[in-house]
Amino acid sequence: MSQFIQHTGVVLPLDISDVDTDNIIPKQFLQAITRVNFGLYLFFNWRFLENTPKILNTSFVLNKPCYKNASILLTQRNFGCGSSREHAVWALIDYGFRVIIAPSFADIFYKNSFNNRLLLITLPELQVNDLFKEISTQKKGMSLTVNLYEQIIYTYDNKKKYLFKINDFYRNCMLNDIDDINLTLQYDAVIKKYEDNQPIYLK
């Protein structure tokens, strides 16, 4: 885990709605429970041909040279729908994505993402489409700066900015690098006092 305040990165424009978790990482790659190396299989059925990573699908946007090191994903509504597999989030993070921008996200995917420090930003569909148009004019890819503290997205030339809001709890956790364990440990003394005051037969 790491603190998130601001990130600048190249944007990958994935102009597709209803991308489900099986699109993000197919079920045959879910055997492992560690969170590493899933990036190899991210968008597997779209990135590769003939079911092998040895043959790139050169028409898929992620395989275009200008987006090779993209760390911000711009996509359309209902991203992360389908099954609740947390591996989808692990694959995105392991590949190198830090931020996803879309008009809406599936609920479970939304929670899984913040639990793993993947920042999800919801913008109105008109603004998302405006960003897609802006990216289409840049032959070498386009960078954005996402400032979580200010809750502002800045374009590469600072000519445009987009305001966003996220849940205050998730924002605080990401800004201060707090996870569920940290939150519980904040009440360690209270928990211990409660346990010490329990009757012996309950201990």
Protein backbone atom coordinates (compact mmCIF):
# COMPACT_ATOMS: atom_id res chain seq x y z
CA MET A 1 0.00 0.00 0.00
CA SER A 2 1.12 3.58 -0.55
CA GLN A 3 -0.11 7.09 0.01
CA PHE A 4 -1.87 8.71 -2.95
CA ILE A 5 -1.92 12.50 -3.27
CA GLN A 6 -1.21 13.28 -6.92
CA HIS A 7 -0.43 11.27 -10.03
CA THR A 8 0.56 12.28 -13.55
CA GLY A 9 0.44 9.67 -16.30
CA VAL A 10 -0.44 8.77 -19.86
CA VAL A 11 -4.13 8.07 -20.47
CA LEU A 12 -5.34 4.90 -22.16
CA PRO A 13 -8.64 5.60 -24.00
CA LEU A 14 -10.76 2.44 -23.77
CA ASP A 15 -13.99 3.65 -25.35
CA ILE A 16 -16.14 0.67 -24.35
CA SER A 17 -19.14 0.44 -22.02
CA ASP A 18 -19.98 -2.45 -19.68
CA VAL A 19 -16.46 -3.87 -19.47
CA ASP A 20 -16.92 -6.82 -17.13
CA THR A 21 -14.36 -8.48 -14.89
CA ASP A 22 -14.01 -11.43 -17.29
CA ASN A 23 -12.93 -8.94 -19.98
CA ILE A 24 -10.44 -7.47 -17.51
CA ILE A 25 -8.98 -10.87 -16.58
CA PRO A 26 -10.46 -14.18 -17.83
CA LYS A 27 -11.41 -16.88 -15.37
CA GLN A 28 -8.61 -19.30 -16.35
CA PHE A 29 -6.05 -16.98 -14.73
CA LEU A 30 -7.63 -16.83 -11.28
CA GLN A 31 -5.84 -19.77 -9.65
CA ALA A 32 -3.25 -17.72 -7.78
CA ILE A 33 -4.13 -15.79 -4.62
CA THR A 34 -1.03 -13.58 -4.54
CA ARG A 35 -1.43 -10.17 -6.12
CA VAL A 36 1.51 -10.28 -8.53
CA ASN A 37 1.89 -11.08 -12.24
CA PHE A 38 -1.80 -10.66 -13.07
CA GLY A 39 -0.89 -7.71 -15.29
CA LEU A 40 0.40 -10.22 -17.83
CA TYR A 41 -3.19 -11.34 -18.42
CA LEU A 42 -4.95 -7.96 -18.32
CA PHE A 43 -7.53 -7.72 -21.14
CA PHE A 44 -6.10 -11.04 -22.35
CA ASN A 45 -8.78 -11.84 -24.93
CA TRP A 46 -8.46 -8.37 -26.45
CA ARG A 47 -4.68 -7.95 -26.24
CA PHE A 48 -3.73 -11.28 -27.81
CA LEU A 49 -4.78 -13.51 -30.69
CA GLU A 50 -5.22 -17.28 -30.86
CA ASN A 51 -5.29 -17.50 -27.06
CA THR A 52 -1.56 -16.94 -26.70
CA PRO A 53 0.45 -13.97 -25.37
CA LYS A 54 2.96 -14.60 -28.17
CA ILE A 55 0.65 -13.04 -30.77
CA LEU A 56 -0.33 -9.41 -30.15
CA ASN A 57 -3.59 -7.98 -31.41
CA THR A 58 -2.10 -4.82 -32.88
CA SER A 59 -5.53 -3.25 -33.33
CA PHE A 60 -6.24 -3.24 -29.58
CA VAL A 61 -5.55 0.15 -28.05
CA LEU A 62 -3.34 -1.12 -25.21
CA ASN A 63 -0.89 -2.54 -27.75
CA LYS A 64 -0.33 0.78 -29.49
CA PRO A 65 3.18 2.11 -28.72
CA CYS A 66 1.97 5.51 -27.48
CA TYR A 67 -0.06 3.84 -24.71
CA LYS A 68 2.53 1.25 -23.67
CA ASN A 69 3.21 2.91 -20.30
CA ALA A 70 -0.30 4.22 -19.63
CA SER A 71 -1.20 4.51 -15.95
CA ILE A 72 -4.59 6.26 -16.21
CA LEU A 73 -7.50 4.41 -17.80
CA LEU A 74 -10.34 6.39 -19.38
CA THR A 75 -13.39 4.30 -20.14
CA GLN A 76 -17.17 4.31 -20.33
CA ARG A 77 -20.09 3.53 -18.03
CA ASN A 78 -20.49 0.48 -15.78
CA PHE A 79 -16.83 -0.50 -15.78
CA GLY A 80 -16.04 -3.59 -13.70
CA CYS A 81 -19.46 -5.22 -13.90
CA GLY A 82 -19.95 -8.98 -13.81
CA SER A 83 -18.44 -11.26 -11.17
CA SER A 84 -16.93 -9.85 -7.99
CA ARG A 85 -13.40 -11.21 -8.60
CA GLU A 86 -10.81 -9.00 -6.90
CA HIS A 87 -8.24 -10.34 -9.37
CA ALA A 88 -9.55 -7.79 -11.88
CA VAL A 89 -8.31 -4.98 -9.65
CA TRP A 90 -5.03 -6.79 -9.03
CA ALA A 91 -4.47 -7.14 -12.79
CA LEU A 92 -5.03 -3.44 -13.43
CA ILE A 93 -2.68 -2.42 -10.61
CA ASP A 94 -0.03 -4.98 -11.51
CA TYR A 95 -0.01 -3.71 -15.10
CA GLY A 96 0.60 -0.20 -13.81
CA PHE A 97 -2.74 1.60 -13.65
CA ARG A 98 -3.20 4.01 -10.75
CA VAL A 99 -6.41 5.79 -11.79
CA ILE A 100 -9.58 4.89 -13.71
CA ILE A 101 -11.98 7.55 -14.98
CA ALA A 102 -15.50 6.63 -16.10
CA PRO A 103 -19.14 7.80 -15.86
CA SER A 104 -19.96 4.89 -13.52
CA PHE A 105 -18.55 1.72 -11.96
CA ALA A 106 -19.98 -1.55 -10.70
CA ASP A 107 -20.46 -1.37 -6.92
CA ILE A 108 -18.31 -4.33 -5.83
CA PHE A 109 -15.52 -3.39 -8.23
CA TYR A 110 -15.63 0.14 -6.81
CA LYS A 111 -15.10 -1.08 -3.26
CA ASN A 112 -12.41 -3.60 -4.25
CA SER A 113 -10.51 -0.89 -6.08
CA PHE A 114 -10.31 1.50 -3.15
CA ASN A 115 -9.37 -1.34 -0.81
CA ASN A 116 -6.37 -1.90 -3.10
CA ARG A 117 -5.50 1.81 -3.57
CA LEU A 118 -6.75 2.03 -7.17
CA LEU A 119 -8.35 5.46 -7.49
CA LEU A 120 -11.71 5.47 -9.31
CA ILE A 121 -13.04 8.82 -10.50
CA THR A 122 -16.62 9.30 -11.66
CA LEU A 123 -17.20 12.11 -14.15
CA PRO A 124 -20.35 13.03 -16.09
CA GLU A 125 -20.57 11.27 -19.45
CA LEU A 126 -20.22 14.56 -21.34
CA GLN A 127 -16.90 15.27 -19.63
CA VAL A 128 -15.66 11.73 -20.25
CA ASN A 129 -16.49 12.08 -23.93
CA ASP A 130 -14.78 15.46 -23.97
CA LEU A 131 -11.62 13.77 -22.71
CA PHE A 132 -11.90 11.08 -25.38
CA LYS A 133 -12.08 13.79 -28.05
CA GLU A 134 -9.09 15.59 -26.54
CA ILE A 135 -7.02 12.40 -26.56
CA SER A 136 -7.92 11.66 -30.18
CA THR A 137 -6.14 14.86 -31.24
CA GLN A 138 -2.85 13.78 -29.61
CA LYS A 139 -0.79 11.47 -31.81
CA LYS A 140 1.71 10.63 -29.07
CA GLY A 141 -0.79 10.04 -26.30
CA MET A 142 -1.93 12.50 -23.67
CA SER A 143 -1.09 12.92 -20.01
CA LEU A 144 -3.36 13.99 -17.18
CA THR A 145 -2.55 15.06 -13.65
CA VAL A 146 -4.92 13.78 -10.98
CA ASN A 147 -4.78 15.62 -7.66
CA LEU A 148 -6.72 13.71 -5.03
CA TYR A 149 -6.21 16.34 -2.33
CA GLU A 150 -7.77 19.06 -4.50
CA GLN A 151 -10.10 16.60 -6.27
CA ILE A 152 -9.16 18.07 -9.64
CA ILE A 153 -7.98 16.56 -12.93
CA TYR A 154 -5.68 18.80 -14.99
CA THR A 155 -5.06 18.31 -18.70
CA TYR A 156 -1.49 18.12 -20.01
CA ASP A 157 -1.50 21.83 -21.00
CA ASN A 158 -3.46 22.99 -17.93
CA LYS A 159 -6.03 24.57 -20.23
CA LYS A 160 -8.82 22.42 -18.85
CA LYS A 161 -9.61 21.02 -15.46
CA TYR A 162 -12.28 18.66 -14.25
CA LEU A 163 -13.59 18.66 -10.68
CA PHE A 164 -14.55 15.36 -9.10
CA LYS A 165 -15.88 14.09 -5.80
CA ILE A 166 -15.25 10.77 -4.13
CA ASN A 167 -16.40 9.27 -0.88
CA ASP A 168 -14.73 11.14 2.02
CA PHE A 169 -13.82 7.90 3.77
CA TYR A 170 -12.02 6.45 0.73
CA ARG A 171 -10.34 9.79 0.04
CA ASN A 172 -9.00 9.99 3.60
CA CYS A 173 -7.73 6.39 3.47
CA MET A 174 -5.84 6.98 0.22
CA LEU A 175 -4.40 10.34 1.24
CA ASN A 176 -3.13 8.94 4.54
CA ASP A 177 -2.33 5.36 3.50
CA ILE A 178 -4.85 3.80 5.87
CA ASP A 179 -6.25 0.31 5.32
CA ASP A 180 -8.75 -1.81 7.25
CA ILE A 181 -6.03 -3.09 9.61
CA ASN A 182 -4.85 0.45 10.39
CA LEU A 183 -8.43 1.48 11.09
CA THR A 184 -8.92 -1.41 13.50
CA LEU A 185 -5.63 -0.75 15.30
CA GLN A 186 -6.75 2.81 16.03
CA TYR A 187 -9.17 1.24 18.51
CA ASP A 188 -6.68 -1.24 19.95
CA ALA A 189 -6.85 0.23 23.46
CA VAL A 190 -10.66 0.32 23.43
CA ILE A 191 -10.84 -3.28 22.23
CA LYS A 192 -8.38 -4.43 24.88
CA LYS A 193 -10.30 -2.61 27.62
CA TYR A 194 -13.54 -4.23 26.49
CA GLU A 195 -11.94 -7.69 26.45
CA ASP A 196 -10.40 -7.19 29.90
CA ASN A 197 -13.80 -6.28 31.33
CA GLN A 198 -15.53 -9.43 30.08
CA PRO A 199 -16.45 -12.16 32.61
CA ILE A 200 -13.95 -15.00 32.84
CA TYR A 201 -16.40 -17.53 31.36
CA LEU A 202 -16.64 -15.43 28.17
CA LYS A 203 -12.87 -15.20 27.69
